[in-house]
Amino acid sequence: LTPDSEILKPILELYRDTAAYIQGCNFTFPSDKPNCKIDYILVGGNVSVKNAEIPELIAADHRVVTAEVEINKG
């Protein structure tokens, strides 16, 4: 789903997209020359994002999205 998808909107109201922490472009598809965002790591509740990135790896038809997260206790 693209970020403007009607199906995705209710999910994004409940969870945060880690892409906000990515420096630069957050496109993931197609992997050889990404031109759209269709992959997500979403977090909610007491989870904070320390880092997120999309490495320039071509291992499949999508690029990999990674995020380092931390559960906030207390």
PDB file of N, CA and C in Angstrom:
ATOM      1  N   LEU A   1       0.834  -1.190   0.000  1.00  0.00           N
ATOM      2  CA  LEU A   1       0.000   0.000   0.000  1.00  0.00           C
ATOM      3  C   LEU A   1       0.874   1.247   0.000  1.00  0.00           C
ATOM      4  N   THR A   2       0.464   2.249  -0.724  1.00  0.00           N
ATOM      5  CA  THR A   2       1.172   3.524  -0.699  1.00  0.00           C
ATOM      6  C   THR A   2       0.679   4.340   0.503  1.00  0.00           C
ATOM      7  N   PRO A   3       1.463   5.312   0.964  1.00  0.00           N
ATOM      8  CA  PRO A   3       1.088   6.070   2.164  1.00  0.00           C
ATOM      9  C   PRO A   3      -0.276   6.765   2.093  1.00  0.00           C
ATOM     10  N   ASP A   4      -0.757   7.047   0.894  1.00  0.00           N
ATOM     11  CA  ASP A   4      -2.050   7.724   0.762  1.00  0.00           C
ATOM     12  C   ASP A   4      -3.228   6.756   0.612  1.00  0.00           C
ATOM     13  N   SER A   5      -2.994   5.468   0.775  1.00  0.00           N
ATOM     14  CA  SER A   5      -4.029   4.456   0.633  1.00  0.00           C
ATOM     15  C   SER A   5      -5.100   4.609   1.714  1.00  0.00           C
ATOM     16  N   GLU A   6      -6.339   4.527   1.307  1.00  0.00           N
ATOM     17  CA  GLU A   6      -7.463   4.602   2.252  1.00  0.00           C
ATOM     18  C   GLU A   6      -7.433   3.424   3.232  1.00  0.00           C
ATOM     19  N   ILE A   7      -6.972   2.279   2.783  1.00  0.00           N
ATOM     20  CA  ILE A   7      -6.901   1.095   3.642  1.00  0.00           C
ATOM     21  C   ILE A   7      -5.883   1.301   4.763  1.00  0.00           C
ATOM     22  N   LEU A   8      -4.816   2.018   4.474  1.00  0.00           N
ATOM     23  CA  LEU A   8      -3.738   2.219   5.439  1.00  0.00           C
ATOM     24  C   LEU A   8      -4.060   3.310   6.473  1.00  0.00           C
ATOM     25  N   LYS A   9      -4.917   4.246   6.135  1.00  0.00           N
ATOM     26  CA  LYS A   9      -5.200   5.384   7.025  1.00  0.00           C
ATOM     27  C   LYS A   9      -5.600   4.990   8.448  1.00  0.00           C
ATOM     28  N   PRO A  10      -6.534   4.063   8.658  1.00  0.00           N
ATOM     29  CA  PRO A  10      -6.889   3.718  10.051  1.00  0.00           C
ATOM     30  C   PRO A  10      -5.736   3.071  10.820  1.00  0.00           C
ATOM     31  N   ILE A  11      -4.871   2.367  10.102  1.00  0.00           N
ATOM     32  CA  ILE A  11      -3.715   1.756  10.757  1.00  0.00           C
ATOM     33  C   ILE A  11      -2.738   2.845  11.210  1.00  0.00           C
ATOM     34  N   LEU A  12      -2.517   3.847  10.351  1.00  0.00           N
ATOM     35  CA  LEU A  12      -1.599   4.932  10.692  1.00  0.00           C
ATOM     36  C   LEU A  12      -2.143   5.844  11.784  1.00  0.00           C
ATOM     37  N   GLU A  13      -3.430   5.751  12.064  1.00  0.00           N
ATOM     38  CA  GLU A  13      -3.995   6.491  13.195  1.00  0.00           C
ATOM     39  C   GLU A  13      -3.642   5.816  14.519  1.00  0.00           C
ATOM     40  N   LEU A  14      -3.365   4.514  14.479  1.00  0.00           N
ATOM     41  CA  LEU A  14      -3.044   3.755  15.680  1.00  0.00           C
ATOM     42  C   LEU A  14      -1.541   3.562  15.886  1.00  0.00           C
ATOM     43  N   TYR A  15      -0.791   3.547  14.796  1.00  0.00           N
ATOM     44  CA  TYR A  15       0.641   3.250  14.866  1.00  0.00           C
ATOM     45  C   TYR A  15       1.455   4.326  14.159  1.00  0.00           C
ATOM     46  N   ARG A  16       2.725   4.432  14.542  1.00  0.00           N
ATOM     47  CA  ARG A  16       3.644   5.403  13.940  1.00  0.00           C
ATOM     48  C   ARG A  16       4.540   4.699  12.930  1.00  0.00           C
ATOM     49  N   ASP A  17       4.783   5.366  11.829  1.00  0.00           N
ATOM     50  CA  ASP A  17       5.635   4.833  10.770  1.00  0.00           C
ATOM     51  C   ASP A  17       7.087   5.191  11.074  1.00  0.00           C
ATOM     52  N   THR A  18       7.947   4.198  11.175  1.00  0.00           N
ATOM     53  CA  THR A  18       9.359   4.448  11.477  1.00  0.00           C
ATOM     54  C   THR A  18      10.063   5.196  10.341  1.00  0.00           C
ATOM     55  N   ALA A  19       9.449   5.305   9.187  1.00  0.00           N
ATOM     56  CA  ALA A  19      10.055   6.016   8.057  1.00  0.00           C
ATOM     57  C   ALA A  19      10.335   7.482   8.391  1.00  0.00           C
ATOM     58  N   ALA A  20       9.653   8.019   9.365  1.00  0.00           N
ATOM     59  CA  ALA A  20       9.910   9.405   9.772  1.00  0.00           C
ATOM     60  C   ALA A  20      11.341   9.584  10.278  1.00  0.00           C
ATOM     61  N   TYR A  21      11.992   8.492  10.641  1.00  0.00           N
ATOM     62  CA  TYR A  21      13.353   8.541  11.165  1.00  0.00           C
ATOM     63  C   TYR A  21      14.405   8.241  10.096  1.00  0.00           C
ATOM     64  N   ILE A  22      13.977   7.972   8.884  1.00  0.00           N
ATOM     65  CA  ILE A  22      14.906   7.661   7.799  1.00  0.00           C
ATOM     66  C   ILE A  22      15.427   8.947   7.193  1.00  0.00           C
ATOM     67  N   GLN A  23      16.741   9.036   7.083  1.00  0.00           N
ATOM     68  CA  GLN A  23      17.371  10.180   6.435  1.00  0.00           C
ATOM     69  C   GLN A  23      17.268   9.982   4.928  1.00  0.00           C
ATOM     70  N   GLY A  24      16.715  10.958   4.227  1.00  0.00           N
ATOM     71  CA  GLY A  24      16.605  10.859   2.773  1.00  0.00           C
ATOM     72  C   GLY A  24      15.369  10.112   2.323  1.00  0.00           C
ATOM     73  N   CYS A  25      15.482   9.515   1.171  1.00  0.00           N
ATOM     74  CA  CYS A  25      14.362   8.850   0.509  1.00  0.00           C
ATOM     75  C   CYS A  25      13.917   7.605   1.271  1.00  0.00           C
ATOM     76  N   ASN A  26      12.604   7.376   1.326  1.00  0.00           N
ATOM     77  CA  ASN A  26      12.097   6.171   1.986  1.00  0.00           C
ATOM     78  C   ASN A  26      11.368   5.246   1.011  1.00  0.00           C
ATOM     79  N   PHE A  27      11.716   5.340  -0.268  1.00  0.00           N
ATOM     80  CA  PHE A  27      11.135   4.454  -1.277  1.00  0.00           C
ATOM     81  C   PHE A  27      11.772   3.071  -1.183  1.00  0.00           C
ATOM     82  N   THR A  28      10.988   2.036  -1.460  1.00  0.00           N
ATOM     83  CA  THR A  28      11.481   0.666  -1.334  1.00  0.00           C
ATOM     84  C   THR A  28      11.216  -0.215  -2.554  1.00  0.00           C
ATOM     85  N   PHE A  29      10.462   0.267  -3.508  1.00  0.00           N
ATOM     86  CA  PHE A  29      10.081  -0.580  -4.643  1.00  0.00           C
ATOM     87  C   PHE A  29      10.148   0.185  -5.945  1.00  0.00           C
ATOM     88  N   PRO A  30      10.654  -0.429  -7.008  1.00  0.00           N
ATOM     89  CA  PRO A  30      11.368  -1.697  -7.073  1.00  0.00           C
ATOM     90  C   PRO A  30      12.783  -1.550  -6.503  1.00  0.00           C
ATOM     91  N   SER A  31      13.396  -2.639  -6.143  1.00  0.00           N
ATOM     92  CA  SER A  31      14.676  -2.569  -5.423  1.00  0.00           C
ATOM     93  C   SER A  31      15.805  -1.975  -6.249  1.00  0.00           C
ATOM     94  N   ASP A  32      15.790  -2.162  -7.567  1.00  0.00           N
ATOM     95  CA  ASP A  32      16.893  -1.649  -8.369  1.00  0.00           C
ATOM     96  C   ASP A  32      16.835  -0.138  -8.571  1.00  0.00           C
ATOM     97  N   LYS A  33      15.643   0.429  -8.635  1.00  0.00           N
ATOM     98  CA  LYS A  33      15.471   1.879  -8.767  1.00  0.00           C
ATOM     99  C   LYS A  33      14.175   2.265  -8.060  1.00  0.00           C
ATOM    100  N   PRO A  34      14.201   2.322  -6.724  1.00  0.00           N
ATOM    101  CA  PRO A  34      12.956   2.577  -5.985  1.00  0.00           C
ATOM    102  C   PRO A  34      12.321   3.918  -6.356  1.00  0.00           C
ATOM    103  N   ASN A  35      11.003   3.879  -6.580  1.00  0.00           N
ATOM    104  CA  ASN A  35      10.277   5.104  -6.905  1.00  0.00           C
ATOM    105  C   ASN A  35       8.957   5.222  -6.148  1.00  0.00           C
ATOM    106  N   CYS A  36       8.722   4.282  -5.207  1.00  0.00           N
ATOM    107  CA  CYS A  36       7.523   4.394  -4.384  1.00  0.00           C
ATOM    108  C   CYS A  36       7.725   3.699  -3.038  1.00  0.00           C
ATOM    109  N   LYS A  37       6.942   4.130  -2.090  1.00  0.00           N
ATOM    110  CA  LYS A  37       6.991   3.573  -0.736  1.00  0.00           C
ATOM    111  C   LYS A  37       5.817   2.626  -0.570  1.00  0.00           C
ATOM    112  N   ILE A  38       6.128   1.339  -0.316  1.00  0.00           N
ATOM    113  CA  ILE A  38       5.065   0.362  -0.082  1.00  0.00           C
ATOM    114  C   ILE A  38       5.403  -0.583   1.070  1.00  0.00           C
ATOM    115  N   ASP A  39       6.494  -0.302   1.779  1.00  0.00           N
ATOM    116  CA  ASP A  39       6.914  -1.165   2.886  1.00  0.00           C
ATOM    117  C   ASP A  39       7.026  -0.337   4.161  1.00  0.00           C
ATOM    118  N   TYR A  40       6.664  -0.937   5.274  1.00  0.00           N
ATOM    119  CA  TYR A  40       6.568  -0.197   6.531  1.00  0.00           C
ATOM    120  C   TYR A  40       7.038  -1.028   7.705  1.00  0.00           C
ATOM    121  N   ILE A  41       7.548  -0.335   8.711  1.00  0.00           N
ATOM    122  CA  ILE A  41       7.657  -0.879  10.057  1.00  0.00           C
ATOM    123  C   ILE A  41       6.887   0.111  10.915  1.00  0.00           C
ATOM    124  N   LEU A  42       5.843  -0.369  11.545  1.00  0.00           N
ATOM    125  CA  LEU A  42       4.974   0.487  12.349  1.00  0.00           C
ATOM    126  C   LEU A  42       5.140   0.130  13.822  1.00  0.00           C
ATOM    127  N   VAL A  43       5.125   1.157  14.663  1.00  0.00           N
ATOM    128  CA  VAL A  43       5.243   0.937  16.106  1.00  0.00           C
ATOM    129  C   VAL A  43       4.130   1.697  16.815  1.00  0.00           C
ATOM    130  N   GLY A  44       3.846   1.272  18.014  1.00  0.00           N
ATOM    131  CA  GLY A  44       2.822   1.951  18.795  1.00  0.00           C
ATOM    132  C   GLY A  44       3.124   1.841  20.271  1.00  0.00           C
ATOM    133  N   GLY A  45       2.234   2.394  21.043  1.00  0.00           N
ATOM    134  CA  GLY A  45       2.332   2.286  22.491  1.00  0.00           C
ATOM    135  C   GLY A  45       3.630   2.814  23.052  1.00  0.00           C
ATOM    136  N   ASN A  46       4.262   2.003  23.874  1.00  0.00           N
ATOM    137  CA  ASN A  46       5.456   2.444  24.586  1.00  0.00           C
ATOM    138  C   ASN A  46       6.753   2.092  23.850  1.00  0.00           C
ATOM    139  N   VAL A  47       6.689   2.001  22.541  1.00  0.00           N
ATOM    140  CA  VAL A  47       7.868   1.705  21.731  1.00  0.00           C
ATOM    141  C   VAL A  47       8.386   2.998  21.117  1.00  0.00           C
ATOM    142  N   SER A  48       9.683   3.252  21.305  1.00  0.00           N
ATOM    143  CA  SER A  48      10.300   4.416  20.670  1.00  0.00           C
ATOM    144  C   SER A  48      11.282   3.942  19.608  1.00  0.00           C
ATOM    145  N   VAL A  49      11.478   4.768  18.610  1.00  0.00           N
ATOM    146  CA  VAL A  49      12.368   4.444  17.498  1.00  0.00           C
ATOM    147  C   VAL A  49      13.702   5.131  17.724  1.00  0.00           C
ATOM    148  N   LYS A  50      14.754   4.360  17.705  1.00  0.00           N
ATOM    149  CA  LYS A  50      16.092   4.908  17.883  1.00  0.00           C
ATOM    150  C   LYS A  50      16.724   5.235  16.535  1.00  0.00           C
ATOM    151  N   ASN A  51      16.400   4.419  15.512  1.00  0.00           N
ATOM    152  CA  ASN A  51      16.999   4.590  14.202  1.00  0.00           C
ATOM    153  C   ASN A  51      16.190   3.786  13.192  1.00  0.00           C
ATOM    154  N   ALA A  52      16.179   4.235  11.956  1.00  0.00           N
ATOM    155  CA  ALA A  52      15.554   3.476  10.879  1.00  0.00           C
ATOM    156  C   ALA A  52      16.309   3.783   9.590  1.00  0.00           C
ATOM    157  N   GLU A  53      16.354   2.795   8.714  1.00  0.00           N
ATOM    158  CA  GLU A  53      17.036   3.017   7.442  1.00  0.00           C
ATOM    159  C   GLU A  53      16.577   2.012   6.398  1.00  0.00           C
ATOM    160  N   ILE A  54      16.913   2.328   5.165  1.00  0.00           N
ATOM    161  CA  ILE A  54      16.676   1.433   4.037  1.00  0.00           C
ATOM    162  C   ILE A  54      18.027   1.234   3.366  1.00  0.00           C
ATOM    163  N   PRO A  55      18.699   0.128   3.682  1.00  0.00           N
ATOM    164  CA  PRO A  55      20.006  -0.124   3.084  1.00  0.00           C
ATOM    165  C   PRO A  55      19.894  -0.286   1.563  1.00  0.00           C
ATOM    166  N   GLU A  56      20.932   0.079   0.869  1.00  0.00           N
ATOM    167  CA  GLU A  56      20.947  -0.043  -0.590  1.00  0.00           C
ATOM    168  C   GLU A  56      21.316  -1.464  -0.998  1.00  0.00           C
ATOM    169  N   LEU A  57      20.472  -2.407  -0.608  1.00  0.00           N
ATOM    170  CA  LEU A  57      20.666  -3.817  -0.933  1.00  0.00           C
ATOM    171  C   LEU A  57      19.617  -4.250  -1.938  1.00  0.00           C
ATOM    172  N   ILE A  58      20.038  -5.065  -2.876  1.00  0.00           N
ATOM    173  CA  ILE A  58      19.080  -5.640  -3.814  1.00  0.00           C
ATOM    174  C   ILE A  58      19.091  -7.144  -3.586  1.00  0.00           C
ATOM    175  N   ALA A  59      18.171  -7.602  -2.744  1.00  0.00           N
ATOM    176  CA  ALA A  59      18.080  -9.018  -2.415  1.00  0.00           C
ATOM    177  C   ALA A  59      16.755  -9.619  -2.882  1.00  0.00           C
ATOM    178  N   ALA A  60      15.829  -8.755  -3.236  1.00  0.00           N
ATOM    179  CA  ALA A  60      14.510  -9.189  -3.691  1.00  0.00           C
ATOM    180  C   ALA A  60      13.918  -8.067  -4.532  1.00  0.00           C
ATOM    181  N   ASP A  61      12.620  -8.087  -4.766  1.00  0.00           N
ATOM    182  CA  ASP A  61      12.008  -7.026  -5.558  1.00  0.00           C
ATOM    183  C   ASP A  61      11.751  -5.760  -4.742  1.00  0.00           C
ATOM    184  N   HIS A  62      11.839  -5.853  -3.404  1.00  0.00           N
ATOM    185  CA  HIS A  62      11.704  -4.700  -2.515  1.00  0.00           C
ATOM    186  C   HIS A  62      13.023  -4.491  -1.790  1.00  0.00           C
ATOM    187  N   ARG A  63      13.293  -3.264  -1.387  1.00  0.00           N
ATOM    188  CA  ARG A  63      14.432  -3.015  -0.503  1.00  0.00           C
ATOM    189  C   ARG A  63      14.005  -3.300   0.937  1.00  0.00           C
ATOM    190  N   VAL A  64      14.971  -3.583   1.766  1.00  0.00           N
ATOM    191  CA  VAL A  64      14.729  -3.920   3.164  1.00  0.00           C
ATOM    192  C   VAL A  64      14.541  -2.639   3.980  1.00  0.00           C
ATOM    193  N   VAL A  65      13.556  -2.644   4.859  1.00  0.00           N
ATOM    194  CA  VAL A  65      13.376  -1.551   5.813  1.00  0.00           C
ATOM    195  C   VAL A  65      13.827  -2.087   7.167  1.00  0.00           C
ATOM    196  N   THR A  66      14.681  -1.319   7.867  1.00  0.00           N
ATOM    197  CA  THR A  66      15.122  -1.742   9.188  1.00  0.00           C
ATOM    198  C   THR A  66      14.832  -0.640  10.195  1.00  0.00           C
ATOM    199  N   ALA A  67      14.627  -1.042  11.424  1.00  0.00           N
ATOM    200  CA  ALA A  67      14.410  -0.068  12.493  1.00  0.00           C
ATOM    201  C   ALA A  67      14.960  -0.631  13.802  1.00  0.00           C
ATOM    202  N   GLU A  68      15.626   0.224  14.539  1.00  0.00           N
ATOM    203  CA  GLU A  68      16.067  -0.124  15.882  1.00  0.00           C
ATOM    204  C   GLU A  68      15.078   0.536  16.841  1.00  0.00           C
ATOM    205  N   VAL A  69      14.419  -0.289  17.632  1.00  0.00           N
ATOM    206  CA  VAL A  69      13.384   0.215  18.523  1.00  0.00           C
ATOM    207  C   VAL A  69      13.723  -0.141  19.961  1.00  0.00           C
ATOM    208  N   GLU A  70      13.046   0.566  20.866  1.00  0.00           N
ATOM    209  CA  GLU A  70      13.254   0.334  22.284  1.00  0.00           C
ATOM    210  C   GLU A  70      11.906   0.368  22.982  1.00  0.00           C
ATOM    211  N   ILE A  71      11.700  -0.575  23.880  1.00  0.00           N
ATOM    212  CA  ILE A  71      10.472  -0.579  24.668  1.00  0.00           C
ATOM    213  C   ILE A  71      10.724   0.263  25.910  1.00  0.00           C
ATOM    214  N   ASN A  72       9.906   1.274  26.079  1.00  0.00           N
ATOM    215  CA  ASN A  72      10.029   2.162  27.242  1.00  0.00           C
ATOM    216  C   ASN A  72       9.301   1.537  28.410  1.00  0.00           C
ATOM    217  N   LYS A  73      10.028   1.265  29.444  1.00  0.00           N
ATOM    218  CA  LYS A  73       9.443   0.641  30.641  1.00  0.00           C
ATOM    219  C   LYS A  73       9.002   1.715  31.611  1.00  0.00           C
ATOM    220  N   GLY A  74       7.895   1.458  32.249  1.00  0.00           N
ATOM    221  CA  GLY A  74       7.449   2.359  33.301  1.00  0.00           C
ATOM    222  C   GLY A  74       6.281   3.132  32.989  1.00  0.00           C
TER     223      GLY A  74
END
